[in-house]
C-alpha atoms as a PDB file:
ATOM      1  CA  MET A   1       0.008  -0.312  -0.704  1.00  0.00           C
ATOM      2  CA  ALA A   2       1.265   2.950  -0.474  1.00  0.00           C
ATOM      3  CA  ASP A   3       1.932   6.376   2.288  1.00  0.00           C
ATOM      4  CA  THR A   4      -0.528   8.471   2.137  1.00  0.00           C
ATOM      5  CA  GLY A   5       1.342  10.930   3.129  1.00  0.00           C
ATOM      6  CA  ALA A   6      -0.844  11.644   6.591  1.00  0.00           C
ATOM      7  CA  PRO A   7      -2.932   8.949   8.962  1.00  0.00           C
ATOM      8  CA  VAL A   8      -6.171   8.215   7.920  1.00  0.00           C
ATOM      9  CA  ARG A   9      -8.672   6.390  10.331  1.00  0.00           C
ATOM     10  CA  TRP A  10      -9.183   3.003  10.534  1.00  0.00           C
ATOM     11  CA  ARG A  11     -11.648   1.743   9.508  1.00  0.00           C
ATOM     12  CA  THR A  12      -9.812   3.244   5.923  1.00  0.00           C
ATOM     13  CA  ALA A  13      -6.254   2.141   6.571  1.00  0.00           C
ATOM     14  CA  MET A  14      -8.527  -1.697   6.634  1.00  0.00           C
ATOM     15  CA  GLU A  15     -10.185  -2.234   3.831  1.00  0.00           C
ATOM     16  CA  THR A  16      -7.720  -0.417   1.605  1.00  0.00           C
ATOM     17  CA  ALA A  17      -4.968  -2.820   3.658  1.00  0.00           C
ATOM     18  CA  LEU A  18      -7.410  -5.954   2.827  1.00  0.00           C
ATOM     19  CA  TYR A  19      -9.498  -5.514   0.128  1.00  0.00           C
ATOM     20  CA  GLY A  20      -7.788  -2.714  -2.385  1.00  0.00           C
ATOM     21  CA  ASP A  21      -6.160  -3.973  -5.105  1.00  0.00           C
ATOM     22  CA  GLN A  22      -3.388  -4.921  -3.295  1.00  0.00           C
ATOM     23  CA  GLY A  23      -4.850  -5.959  -0.172  1.00  0.00           C
ATOM     24  CA  PHE A  24      -4.552  -9.348   1.420  1.00  0.00           C
ATOM     25  CA  PHE A  25      -7.880 -10.986   0.368  1.00  0.00           C
ATOM     26  CA  THR A  26      -7.730 -10.205  -3.292  1.00  0.00           C
ATOM     27  CA  THR A  27      -3.795 -10.888  -4.230  1.00  0.00           C
ATOM     28  CA  GLY A  28      -1.189 -14.086  -2.964  1.00  0.00           C
ATOM     29  CA  ALA A  29      -1.796 -17.157  -1.283  1.00  0.00           C
ATOM     30  CA  GLY A  30      -4.850 -15.303   0.899  1.00  0.00           C
ATOM     31  CA  PRO A  31      -5.221 -15.828   4.217  1.00  0.00           C
ATOM     32  CA  ALA A  32      -4.414 -20.505   3.798  1.00  0.00           C
ATOM     33  CA  GLY A  33      -1.041 -19.710   3.324  1.00  0.00           C
ATOM     34  CA  HIS A  34      -0.947 -17.349   6.637  1.00  0.00           C
ATOM     35  CA  PHE A  35      -3.195 -19.268   9.481  1.00  0.00           C
ATOM     36  CA  ARG A  36      -5.426 -21.796   9.827  1.00  0.00           C
ATOM     37  CA  THR A  37      -9.043 -20.939  10.493  1.00  0.00           C
ATOM     38  CA  SER A  38     -11.447 -23.555  11.642  1.00  0.00           C
ATOM     39  CA  ALA A  39     -13.093 -23.534   8.038  1.00  0.00           C
ATOM     40  CA  GLN A  40     -10.440 -25.014   6.493  1.00  0.00           C
ATOM     41  CA  THR A  41     -10.956 -28.506   9.093  1.00  0.00           C
ATOM     42  CA  VAL A  42     -12.672 -31.701   8.397  1.00  0.00           C
ATOM     43  CA  PRO A  43     -15.043 -32.038  11.522  1.00  0.00           C
ATOM     44  CA  MET A  44     -16.502 -28.060  10.165  1.00  0.00           C
ATOM     45  CA  ALA A  45     -17.137 -29.577   7.339  1.00  0.00           C
ATOM     46  CA  ARG A  46     -18.562 -32.823   8.487  1.00  0.00           C
ATOM     47  CA  ALA A  47     -20.429 -30.933  11.363  1.00  0.00           C
ATOM     48  CA  ILE A  48     -22.200 -28.565   8.325  1.00  0.00           C
ATOM     49  CA  GLY A  49     -23.150 -30.755   5.999  1.00  0.00           C
ATOM     50  CA  ALA A  50     -24.780 -32.913   9.475  1.00  0.00           C
ATOM     51  CA  LEU A  51     -26.767 -29.529  10.146  1.00  0.00           C
ATOM     52  CA  LEU A  52     -27.736 -29.860   5.983  1.00  0.00           C
ATOM     53  CA  VAL A  53     -28.984 -32.516   6.929  1.00  0.00           C
ATOM     54  CA  ARG A  54     -31.256 -31.047   9.545  1.00  0.00           C
ATOM     55  CA  LEU A  55     -31.969 -27.474   8.486  1.00  0.00           C
ATOM     56  CA  ASP A  56     -33.226 -29.419   5.309  1.00  0.00           C
ATOM     57  CA  ALA A  57     -35.919 -31.503   7.207  1.00  0.00           C
ATOM     58  CA  ALA A  58     -36.974 -28.129   8.828  1.00  0.00           C
ATOM     59  CA  LEU A  59     -37.451 -26.836   5.475  1.00  0.00           C
ATOM     60  CA  GLY A  60     -39.709 -29.523   5.142  1.00  0.00           C
ATOM     61  CA  ARG A  61     -36.920 -30.516   2.141  1.00  0.00           C
ATOM     62  CA  PRO A  62     -37.706 -28.164  -0.148  1.00  0.00           C
ATOM     63  CA  ALA A  63     -36.601 -28.060  -4.608  1.00  0.00           C
ATOM     64  CA  ARG A  64     -33.513 -26.173  -3.856  1.00  0.00           C
ATOM     65  CA  LEU A  65     -31.054 -25.664  -0.455  1.00  0.00           C
ATOM     66  CA  ASP A  66     -29.180 -23.050  -0.644  1.00  0.00           C
ATOM     67  CA  VAL A  67     -25.046 -23.297   1.034  1.00  0.00           C
ATOM     68  CA  VAL A  68     -24.221 -19.663   1.525  1.00  0.00           C
ATOM     69  CA  ASP A  69     -20.123 -19.169   2.251  1.00  0.00           C
ATOM     70  CA  VAL A  70     -20.258 -15.677   3.075  1.00  0.00           C
ATOM     71  CA  GLY A  71     -16.671 -14.441   2.599  1.00  0.00           C
ATOM     72  CA  ALA A  72     -14.968 -17.847   1.421  1.00  0.00           C
ATOM     73  CA  GLY A  73     -11.266 -17.391   1.025  1.00  0.00           C
ATOM     74  CA  GLY A  74     -10.024 -20.314  -0.673  1.00  0.00           C
ATOM     75  CA  GLY A  75     -13.331 -22.113  -0.706  1.00  0.00           C
ATOM     76  CA  GLU A  76     -11.817 -24.742   1.246  1.00  0.00           C
ATOM     77  CA  LEU A  77     -15.063 -25.224   3.868  1.00  0.00           C
ATOM     78  CA  LEU A  78     -17.481 -25.475   0.196  1.00  0.00           C
ATOM     79  CA  THR A  79     -15.185 -28.278  -1.782  1.00  0.00           C
ATOM     80  CA  ALA A  80     -15.140 -30.270   1.028  1.00  0.00           C
ATOM     81  CA  LEU A  81     -19.059 -30.004   1.891  1.00  0.00           C
ATOM     82  CA  ALA A  82     -19.530 -31.021  -2.546  1.00  0.00           C
ATOM     83  CA  ALA A  83     -17.469 -33.777  -1.630  1.00  0.00           C
ATOM     84  CA  GLY A  84     -19.286 -34.762   0.435  1.00  0.00           C
ATOM     85  CA  THR A  85     -22.531 -34.011   0.047  1.00  0.00           C
ATOM     86  CA  PRO A  86     -25.470 -36.282   1.240  1.00  0.00           C
ATOM     87  CA  THR A  87     -27.158 -38.122  -0.398  1.00  0.00           C
ATOM     88  CA  GLU A  88     -30.635 -37.713   0.551  1.00  0.00           C
ATOM     89  CA  LEU A  89     -29.675 -33.439  -0.488  1.00  0.00           C
ATOM     90  CA  ALA A  90     -28.368 -34.730  -3.755  1.00  0.00           C
ATOM     91  CA  GLY A  91     -30.019 -32.705  -7.240  1.00  0.00           C
ATOM     92  CA  ARG A  92     -30.936 -30.151  -4.254  1.00  0.00           C
ATOM     93  CA  VAL A  93     -28.451 -28.815  -2.961  1.00  0.00           C
ATOM     94  CA  ARG A  94     -26.809 -25.085  -4.843  1.00  0.00           C
ATOM     95  CA  TYR A  95     -23.288 -23.798  -2.976  1.00  0.00           C
ATOM     96  CA  THR A  96     -21.631 -19.497  -3.650  1.00  0.00           C
ATOM     97  CA  GLY A  97     -18.824 -18.679  -2.257  1.00  0.00           C
ATOM     98  CA  VAL A  98     -18.808 -14.630  -1.465  1.00  0.00           C
ATOM     99  CA  ASP A  99     -15.769 -13.567  -2.127  1.00  0.00           C
ATOM    100  CA  LEU A 100     -13.870  -9.855  -2.803  1.00  0.00           C
ATOM    101  CA  ALA A 101     -10.598 -12.731  -4.540  1.00  0.00           C
ATOM    102  CA  PRO A 102     -10.614 -14.228  -7.607  1.00  0.00           C
ATOM    103  CA  ARG A 103     -12.240 -18.074  -7.751  1.00  0.00           C
ATOM    104  CA  PRO A 104      -9.765 -20.386  -6.591  1.00  0.00           C
ATOM    105  CA  ARG A 105      -8.219 -21.960  -9.208  1.00  0.00           C
ATOM    106  CA  LEU A 106      -9.165 -25.748  -7.625  1.00  0.00           C
ATOM    107  CA  LEU A 107     -12.858 -24.887  -6.782  1.00  0.00           C
ATOM    108  CA  PRO A 108     -14.975 -27.871  -8.286  1.00  0.00           C
ATOM    109  CA  SER A 109     -17.601 -26.180 -11.068  1.00  0.00           C
ATOM    110  CA  PRO A 110     -20.478 -27.316  -9.216  1.00  0.00           C
ATOM    111  CA  VAL A 111     -19.764 -24.126  -6.461  1.00  0.00           C
ATOM    112  CA  ASP A 112     -21.242 -20.887  -7.780  1.00  0.00           C
ATOM    113  CA  TRP A 113     -18.348 -17.557  -6.990  1.00  0.00           C
ATOM    114  CA  ARG A 114     -18.875 -14.052  -7.105  1.00  0.00           C
ATOM    115  CA  HIS A 115     -18.081 -10.567  -5.510  1.00  0.00           C
ATOM    116  CA  GLU A 116     -21.863 -10.291  -3.983  1.00  0.00           C
ATOM    117  CA  LEU A 117     -24.269 -11.485  -1.627  1.00  0.00           C
ATOM    118  CA  PRO A 118     -27.288 -12.941  -3.993  1.00  0.00           C
ATOM    119  CA  ALA A 119     -30.476 -10.896  -3.160  1.00  0.00           C
ATOM    120  CA  GLN A 120     -32.370 -14.523  -1.189  1.00  0.00           C
ATOM    121  CA  VAL A 121     -30.756 -17.097   0.163  1.00  0.00           C
ATOM    122  CA  THR A 122     -32.682 -20.575   1.882  1.00  0.00           C
ATOM    123  CA  GLY A 123     -31.152 -23.105   3.622  1.00  0.00           C
ATOM    124  CA  LEU A 124     -27.609 -22.117   5.312  1.00  0.00           C
ATOM    125  CA  LEU A 125     -26.141 -18.125   5.291  1.00  0.00           C
ATOM    126  CA  LEU A 126     -22.827 -18.982   6.762  1.00  0.00           C
ATOM    127  CA  ALA A 127     -20.019 -16.475   7.621  1.00  0.00           C
ATOM    128  CA  THR A 128     -17.229 -18.069   9.074  1.00  0.00           C
ATOM    129  CA  GLU A 129     -14.472 -15.186  11.155  1.00  0.00           C
ATOM    130  CA  TRP A 130     -16.209 -13.382   8.342  1.00  0.00           C
ATOM    131  CA  LEU A 131     -17.168 -10.387  10.864  1.00  0.00           C
ATOM    132  CA  ASP A 132     -13.609 -10.169  12.568  1.00  0.00           C
ATOM    133  CA  ASN A 133     -12.001  -8.701   9.067  1.00  0.00           C
ATOM    134  CA  VAL A 134     -15.316  -6.680   8.960  1.00  0.00           C
ATOM    135  CA  PRO A 135     -13.635  -3.165   8.764  1.00  0.00           C
ATOM    136  CA  VAL A 136     -13.279  -0.863  11.746  1.00  0.00           C
ATOM    137  CA  ASP A 137     -12.305   2.328  13.667  1.00  0.00           C
ATOM    138  CA  VAL A 138     -10.355   2.132  16.919  1.00  0.00           C
ATOM    139  CA  ALA A 139     -11.634   4.307  19.801  1.00  0.00           C
ATOM    140  CA  GLU A 140      -9.082   5.187  23.071  1.00  0.00           C
ATOM    141  CA  ALA A 141      -9.984   8.023  25.234  1.00  0.00           C
ATOM    142  CA  GLY A 142      -7.869  10.828  25.852  1.00  0.00           C
ATOM    143  CA  PRO A 143      -5.843  11.931  28.597  1.00  0.00           C
ATOM    144  CA  ASP A 144      -8.773  14.318  29.419  1.00  0.00           C
ATOM    145  CA  GLY A 145     -10.780  10.718  29.426  1.00  0.00           C
ATOM    146  CA  VAL A 146     -13.448  11.933  26.314  1.00  0.00           C
ATOM    147  CA  PRO A 147     -13.202   8.849  23.338  1.00  0.00           C
ATOM    148  CA  ARG A 148     -11.720  10.172  20.264  1.00  0.00           C
ATOM    149  CA  LEU A 149     -10.882   8.154  17.350  1.00  0.00           C
ATOM    150  CA  VAL A 150      -6.874   6.555  16.804  1.00  0.00           C
ATOM    151  CA  LEU A 151      -5.111   7.478  13.516  1.00  0.00           C
ATOM    152  CA  VAL A 152      -3.174   5.419  12.218  1.00  0.00           C
ATOM    153  CA  ASP A 153       0.234   5.769   9.634  1.00  0.00           C
ATOM    154  CA  PRO A 154      -0.948   3.304   6.473  1.00  0.00           C
ATOM    155  CA  ALA A 155       2.779   2.456   5.721  1.00  0.00           C
ATOM    156  CA  THR A 156       4.493   1.592   9.702  1.00  0.00           C
ATOM    157  CA  GLY A 157       1.014   1.283  12.055  1.00  0.00           C
ATOM    158  CA  ALA A 158       2.341   4.404  13.633  1.00  0.00           C
ATOM    159  CA  GLU A 159      -0.317   6.215  15.309  1.00  0.00           C
ATOM    160  CA  THR A 160      -1.682   9.103  16.458  1.00  0.00           C
ATOM    161  CA  LEU A 161      -4.762  10.292  18.030  1.00  0.00           C
ATOM    162  CA  GLY A 162      -7.100  12.315  16.434  1.00  0.00           C
ATOM    163  CA  PRO A 163     -10.947  14.043  17.235  1.00  0.00           C
ATOM    164  CA  PRO A 164     -13.363  13.216  19.714  1.00  0.00           C
ATOM    165  CA  LEU A 165     -15.701  10.056  18.826  1.00  0.00           C
ATOM    166  CA  THR A 166     -19.213  11.719  17.703  1.00  0.00           C
ATOM    167  CA  GLY A 167     -22.411  10.874  16.419  1.00  0.00           C
ATOM    168  CA  ARG A 168     -22.386   6.605  15.643  1.00  0.00           C
ATOM    169  CA  ASP A 169     -19.442   6.581  16.746  1.00  0.00           C
ATOM    170  CA  ALA A 170     -19.458   7.968  20.226  1.00  0.00           C
ATOM    171  CA  GLY A 171     -23.178   6.605  20.655  1.00  0.00           C
ATOM    172  CA  TRP A 172     -22.722   2.833  19.954  1.00  0.00           C
ATOM    173  CA  LEU A 173     -19.655   3.156  21.966  1.00  0.00           C
ATOM    174  CA  ASP A 174     -21.838   3.829  25.327  1.00  0.00           C
ATOM    175  CA  ARG A 175     -24.193   1.738  25.156  1.00  0.00           C
ATOM    176  CA  HIS A 176     -21.860  -1.342  23.550  1.00  0.00           C
ATOM    177  CA  TRP A 177     -18.366  -0.085  24.933  1.00  0.00           C
ATOM    178  CA  PRO A 178     -18.061   2.853  27.690  1.00  0.00           C
ATOM    179  CA  LEU A 179     -14.313   3.799  28.238  1.00  0.00           C
ATOM    180  CA  ALA A 180     -13.204   3.304  31.230  1.00  0.00           C
ATOM    181  CA  GLY A 181     -10.633   6.307  31.703  1.00  0.00           C
ATOM    182  CA  PRO A 182      -7.424   7.643  30.114  1.00  0.00           C
ATOM    183  CA  GLY A 183      -5.710   4.876  27.653  1.00  0.00           C
ATOM    184  CA  ALA A 184      -8.621   2.577  27.307  1.00  0.00           C
ATOM    185  CA  ARG A 185      -9.416   0.957  23.886  1.00  0.00           C
ATOM    186  CA  ALA A 186     -12.097  -0.714  21.177  1.00  0.00           C
ATOM    187  CA  GLU A 187     -13.116  -1.122  18.375  1.00  0.00           C
ATOM    188  CA  ILE A 188     -16.391   0.213  17.202  1.00  0.00           C
ATOM    189  CA  GLY A 189     -18.012  -2.315  16.323  1.00  0.00           C
ATOM    190  CA  HIS A 190     -21.342  -0.469  14.801  1.00  0.00           C
ATOM    191  CA  PRO A 191     -19.366  -1.690  10.820  1.00  0.00           C
ATOM    192  CA  ARG A 192     -20.455  -5.633  11.273  1.00  0.00           C
ATOM    193  CA  ASP A 193     -23.536  -4.310  12.964  1.00  0.00           C
ATOM    194  CA  ASP A 194     -24.746  -3.255   9.736  1.00  0.00           C
ATOM    195  CA  ALA A 195     -22.574  -6.571   7.719  1.00  0.00           C
ATOM    196  CA  TRP A 196     -24.974  -9.053  10.169  1.00  0.00           C
ATOM    197  CA  ALA A 197     -27.755  -6.761   9.013  1.00  0.00           C
ATOM    198  CA  ASP A 198     -27.356  -6.571   5.550  1.00  0.00           C
ATOM    199  CA  ALA A 199     -26.615 -10.550   4.792  1.00  0.00           C
ATOM    200  CA  THR A 200     -29.501 -11.922   7.072  1.00  0.00           C
ATOM    201  CA  ALA A 201     -31.125  -9.473   5.838  1.00  0.00           C
ATOM    202  CA  ARG A 202     -31.321 -11.467   2.567  1.00  0.00           C
ATOM    203  CA  LEU A 203     -32.343 -15.161   4.675  1.00  0.00           C
ATOM    204  CA  VAL A 204     -36.220 -15.710   3.339  1.00  0.00           C
ATOM    205  CA  ARG A 205     -35.710 -19.141   4.944  1.00  0.00           C
ATOM    206  CA  GLY A 206     -33.391 -21.478   6.744  1.00  0.00           C
ATOM    207  CA  VAL A 207     -30.750 -20.064   9.120  1.00  0.00           C
ATOM    208  CA  ALA A 208     -26.863 -17.271   8.978  1.00  0.00           C
ATOM    209  CA  VAL A 209     -24.584 -18.810  10.987  1.00  0.00           C
ATOM    210  CA  ALA A 210     -22.143 -16.951  12.055  1.00  0.00           C
ATOM    211  CA  VAL A 211     -18.575 -18.076  14.185  1.00  0.00           C
ATOM    212  CA  ASP A 212     -16.324 -16.034  15.459  1.00  0.00           C
ATOM    213  CA  TYR A 213     -13.756 -14.661  18.261  1.00  0.00           C
ATOM    214  CA  GLY A 214     -15.636 -13.272  20.629  1.00  0.00           C
ATOM    215  CA  HIS A 215     -16.466 -10.799  23.502  1.00  0.00           C
ATOM    216  CA  HIS A 216     -19.575  -9.048  25.750  1.00  0.00           C
ATOM    217  CA  ALA A 217     -20.110  -6.852  27.660  1.00  0.00           C
ATOM    218  CA  GLY A 218     -19.225  -6.769  31.306  1.00  0.00           C
ATOM    219  CA  ALA A 219     -15.573  -8.381  30.149  1.00  0.00           C
ATOM    220  CA  ARG A 220     -14.515  -6.286  27.394  1.00  0.00           C
ATOM    221  CA  PRO A 221     -10.728  -7.007  26.530  1.00  0.00           C
ATOM    222  CA  TYR A 222      -8.332  -4.295  27.081  1.00  0.00           C
ATOM    223  CA  PRO A 223      -7.056  -3.195  25.367  1.00  0.00           C
ATOM    224  CA  GLY A 224      -8.866  -4.153  22.594  1.00  0.00           C
ATOM    225  CA  THR A 225      -8.502  -6.535  20.341  1.00  0.00           C
ATOM    226  CA  LEU A 226      -7.275  -5.674  17.073  1.00  0.00           C
ATOM    227  CA  THR A 227      -4.162  -7.340  15.038  1.00  0.00           C
ATOM    228  CA  GLY A 228      -2.648  -8.629  13.082  1.00  0.00           C
ATOM    229  CA  TYR A 229      -1.626 -12.578  11.785  1.00  0.00           C
ATOM    230  CA  ARG A 230       1.158 -13.146   8.722  1.00  0.00           C
ATOM    231  CA  ASP A 231       3.011 -16.621   8.181  1.00  0.00           C
ATOM    232  CA  GLY A 232       1.486 -18.480  11.156  1.00  0.00           C
ATOM    233  CA  ARG A 233       2.352 -15.552  13.385  1.00  0.00           C
ATOM    234  CA  GLN A 234       0.542 -12.211  15.510  1.00  0.00           C
ATOM    235  CA  VAL A 235       1.804  -9.654  14.555  1.00  0.00           C
ATOM    236  CA  PRO A 236       1.287  -5.512  15.052  1.00  0.00           C
ATOM    237  CA  PRO A 237      -1.303  -4.656  13.369  1.00  0.00           C
ATOM    238  CA  VAL A 238       0.188  -2.335  10.312  1.00  0.00           C
ATOM    239  CA  PRO A 239      -2.109  -1.628   7.535  1.00  0.00           C
ATOM    240  CA  ASP A 240       0.742  -2.036   4.803  1.00  0.00           C
ATOM    241  CA  GLY A 241      -1.379  -5.038   2.891  1.00  0.00           C
ATOM    242  CA  SER A 242       1.322  -7.640   3.820  1.00  0.00           C
ATOM    243  CA  THR A 243      -0.855  -8.898   7.168  1.00  0.00           C
ATOM    244  CA  ASP A 244      -4.386  -9.653   7.868  1.00  0.00           C
ATOM    245  CA  LEU A 245      -6.579  -7.187   9.920  1.00  0.00           C
ATOM    246  CA  THR A 246      -8.452  -8.948  12.520  1.00  0.00           C
ATOM    247  CA  ALA A 247     -10.729  -7.849  15.487  1.00  0.00           C
ATOM    248  CA  HIS A 248     -13.060  -9.466  18.143  1.00  0.00           C
ATOM    249  CA  VAL A 249     -17.071  -9.654  18.026  1.00  0.00           C
ATOM    250  CA  ALA A 250     -19.649  -7.698  19.751  1.00  0.00           C
ATOM    251  CA  TRP A 251     -21.501 -10.377  19.679  1.00  0.00           C
ATOM    252  CA  ASP A 252     -24.006  -8.866  22.609  1.00  0.00           C
ATOM    253  CA  SER A 253     -24.425  -5.970  19.681  1.00  0.00           C
ATOM    254  CA  LEU A 254     -25.182  -8.064  17.153  1.00  0.00           C
ATOM    255  CA  LEU A 255     -27.954 -10.300  18.809  1.00  0.00           C
ATOM    256  CA  ALA A 256     -31.515  -9.397  18.369  1.00  0.00           C
ATOM    257  CA  PRO A 257     -34.944 -11.501  19.138  1.00  0.00           C
ATOM    258  CA  GLY A 258     -34.649 -15.440  18.924  1.00  0.00           C
ATOM    259  CA  ASP A 259     -30.954 -15.260  17.822  1.00  0.00           C
ATOM    260  CA  LEU A 260     -28.707 -18.005  19.462  1.00  0.00           C
ATOM    261  CA  LEU A 261     -25.157 -18.157  20.255  1.00  0.00           C
ATOM    262  CA  VAL A 262     -23.575 -21.000  22.406  1.00  0.00           C
ATOM    263  CA  ARG A 263     -19.801 -21.566  22.118  1.00  0.00           C
ATOM    264  CA  GLN A 264     -18.154 -23.487  19.434  1.00  0.00           C
ATOM    265  CA  ARG A 265     -17.360 -26.972  21.049  1.00  0.00           C
ATOM    266  CA  GLU A 266     -21.135 -26.965  22.411  1.00  0.00           C
ATOM    267  CA  ALA A 267     -22.546 -26.634  18.843  1.00  0.00           C
ATOM    268  CA  LEU A 268     -19.839 -28.884  17.419  1.00  0.00           C
ATOM    269  CA  ARG A 269     -20.894 -31.569  19.760  1.00  0.00           C
ATOM    270  CA  ALA A 270     -24.747 -31.564  19.616  1.00  0.00           C
ATOM    271  CA  LEU A 271     -23.035 -32.461  15.683  1.00  0.00           C
ATOM    272  CA  GLY A 272     -21.441 -34.914  16.391  1.00  0.00           C
ATOM    273  CA  VAL A 273     -18.148 -33.440  16.948  1.00  0.00           C
ATOM    274  CA  THR A 274     -16.617 -34.631  19.987  1.00  0.00           C
ATOM    275  CA  GLY A 275     -12.826 -35.374  19.651  1.00  0.00           C
ATOM    276  CA  ALA A 276     -13.661 -38.523  21.858  1.00  0.00           C
ATOM    277  CA  ARG A 277     -10.643 -40.854  21.127  1.00  0.00           C
ATOM    278  CA  PRO A 278     -11.139 -44.757  19.544  1.00  0.00           C
ATOM    279  CA  PRO A 279     -11.017 -47.476  22.145  1.00  0.00           C
ATOM    280  CA  LEU A 280      -7.087 -48.425  22.294  1.00  0.00           C
ATOM    281  CA  ALA A 281      -8.103 -52.323  21.910  1.00  0.00           C
ATOM    282  CA  ASP A 282      -9.490 -51.384  18.269  1.00  0.00           C
ATOM    283  CA  ALA A 283      -5.936 -50.976  17.702  1.00  0.00           C
ATOM    284  CA  ALA A 284      -5.087 -54.336  17.184  1.00  0.00           C
ATOM    285  CA  THR A 285      -8.408 -55.912  16.385  1.00  0.00           C
ATOM    286  CA  ASP A 286      -9.017 -53.412  13.476  1.00  0.00           C
ATOM    287  CA  PRO A 287      -5.882 -51.425  13.648  1.00  0.00           C
ATOM    288  CA  ALA A 288      -6.623 -49.042   9.902  1.00  0.00           C
ATOM    289  CA  GLY A 289      -9.963 -47.977  11.649  1.00  0.00           C
ATOM    290  CA  TYR A 290      -7.902 -47.062  14.752  1.00  0.00           C
ATOM    291  CA  LEU A 291      -6.049 -44.580  13.061  1.00  0.00           C
ATOM    292  CA  ARG A 292      -8.396 -42.949  10.912  1.00  0.00           C
ATOM    293  CA  ALA A 293     -10.540 -42.526  14.256  1.00  0.00           C
ATOM    294  CA  LEU A 294      -7.533 -42.030  15.659  1.00  0.00           C
ATOM    295  CA  ALA A 295      -6.677 -39.022  13.508  1.00  0.00           C
ATOM    296  CA  ALA A 296     -10.401 -37.687  13.158  1.00  0.00           C
ATOM    297  CA  ALA A 297     -10.424 -37.131  17.161  1.00  0.00           C
ATOM    298  CA  THR A 298      -7.265 -35.214  16.896  1.00  0.00           C
ATOM    299  CA  HIS A 299      -9.030 -33.043  14.071  1.00  0.00           C
ATOM    300  CA  ALA A 300     -11.739 -32.680  16.344  1.00  0.00           C
ATOM    301  CA  ALA A 301     -10.409 -31.502  19.641  1.00  0.00           C
ATOM    302  CA  GLU A 302      -8.006 -28.747  17.353  1.00  0.00           C
ATOM    303  CA  VAL A 303     -11.644 -27.435  16.838  1.00  0.00           C
ATOM    304  CA  THR A 304     -12.846 -27.591  20.687  1.00  0.00           C
ATOM    305  CA  ASP A 305     -10.290 -26.450  22.018  1.00  0.00           C
ATOM    306  CA  PRO A 306     -11.717 -23.731  24.466  1.00  0.00           C
ATOM    307  CA  THR A 307      -8.267 -22.051  23.583  1.00  0.00           C
ATOM    308  CA  GLY A 308      -8.014 -22.207  20.119  1.00  0.00           C
ATOM    309  CA  LEU A 309     -10.661 -22.989  17.600  1.00  0.00           C
ATOM    310  CA  GLY A 310     -13.276 -23.664  20.071  1.00  0.00           C
ATOM    311  CA  GLY A 311     -13.429 -19.888  22.157  1.00  0.00           C
ATOM    312  CA  HIS A 312     -14.987 -19.445  19.015  1.00  0.00           C
ATOM    313  CA  HIS A 313     -19.044 -18.993  18.994  1.00  0.00           C
ATOM    314  CA  TRP A 314     -21.582 -19.528  16.758  1.00  0.00           C
ATOM    315  CA  LEU A 315     -24.361 -16.598  16.612  1.00  0.00           C
ATOM    316  CA  LEU A 316     -27.254 -18.760  14.984  1.00  0.00           C
ATOM    317  CA  ARG A 317     -29.977 -16.716  13.519  1.00  0.00           C
ATOM    318  CA  PRO A 318     -33.543 -18.511  12.527  1.00  0.00           C
ATOM    319  CA  ALA A 319     -35.966 -17.338   9.386  1.00  0.00           C
ATOM    320  CA  GLY A 320     -39.140 -19.294   9.398  1.00  0.00           C
ATOM    321  CA  ILE A 321     -38.142 -21.958  11.404  1.00  0.00           C
ATOM    322  CA  ASP A 322     -37.685 -23.273  14.647  1.00  0.00           C
ATOM    323  CA  LEU A 323     -34.335 -23.325  15.615  1.00  0.00           C
ATOM    324  CA  ALA A 324     -34.800 -26.489  18.445  1.00  0.00           C
ATOM    325  CA  ASP A 325     -35.548 -28.447  15.233  1.00  0.00           C
ATOM    326  CA  LEU A 326     -31.968 -27.986  14.184  1.00  0.00           C
ATOM    327  CA  GLY A 327     -30.601 -29.935  17.732  1.00  0.00           C
ATOM    328  CA  LEU A 328     -28.954 -27.789  18.925  1.00  0.00           C
ATOM    329  CA  PRO A 329     -27.648 -26.534  22.593  1.00  0.00           C
ATOM    330  CA  ALA A 330     -29.709 -23.337  23.906  1.00  0.00           C
END
């Protein structure tokens, strides 16, 4: 990213650094070349496949069942889902990836790829680690305690305090993340609220599922969560296009009546992904089967580990169905 010669607000810097012509998500190796997400794992594909079967029954087995993956990245999850489509869904399920990046070269031909959300979805709208990459501004309480915008140099990541917050920025912060004194910081989450509202408004019938790291009022992380990832390592958040920039989601600002928020490990266990190791005795009677089951248990443990990917939450928003029919813990 070219140096603008002047600091800008973080939301502007993130938008260009992640999604601009030379952005992190639109060029290069993409996310899979730098870090691992739940969407890249076999257990997640198994769980989503099980969820699809339950959702299909809750919808009365429609003639067309949409699976729309927002922020689909390299299409790993859709590729796995398409390869393992349950027999009862064959011929009716339609897979669509939505991402600003070009269509992945190895994406199976039956999977559609587009840069904008479809107007209507009947089925599953999935957003796995998408909201944490929706650009947001950063606020910090100045020496006088007044919340101010944080400005950043896109080339170096150096920060300066900008003007006091006003309008919707100030209102969101007052309601959801009040700053407790000089030096306290927050990420202003209303762009995520808007992005989620726009996506879920397209759901005619079915369920929308957002999977991400996040936090709640009363337990906000100090001093905020904005960070960078590159080459498998956590690095300072420099918005120069070379680094993933992410900030955790304020779940309570997204929740609406009828929504369900559940820990990923609880959701996965309810969908048949437990991480339980196979009985050791199976190693003698069926060595190959034992090794397959052990590998599956290892992969499942990765996505249910509360200190890692298992620390994700799932936010489910239904449309025209009863969430109880999906069999997830309330």
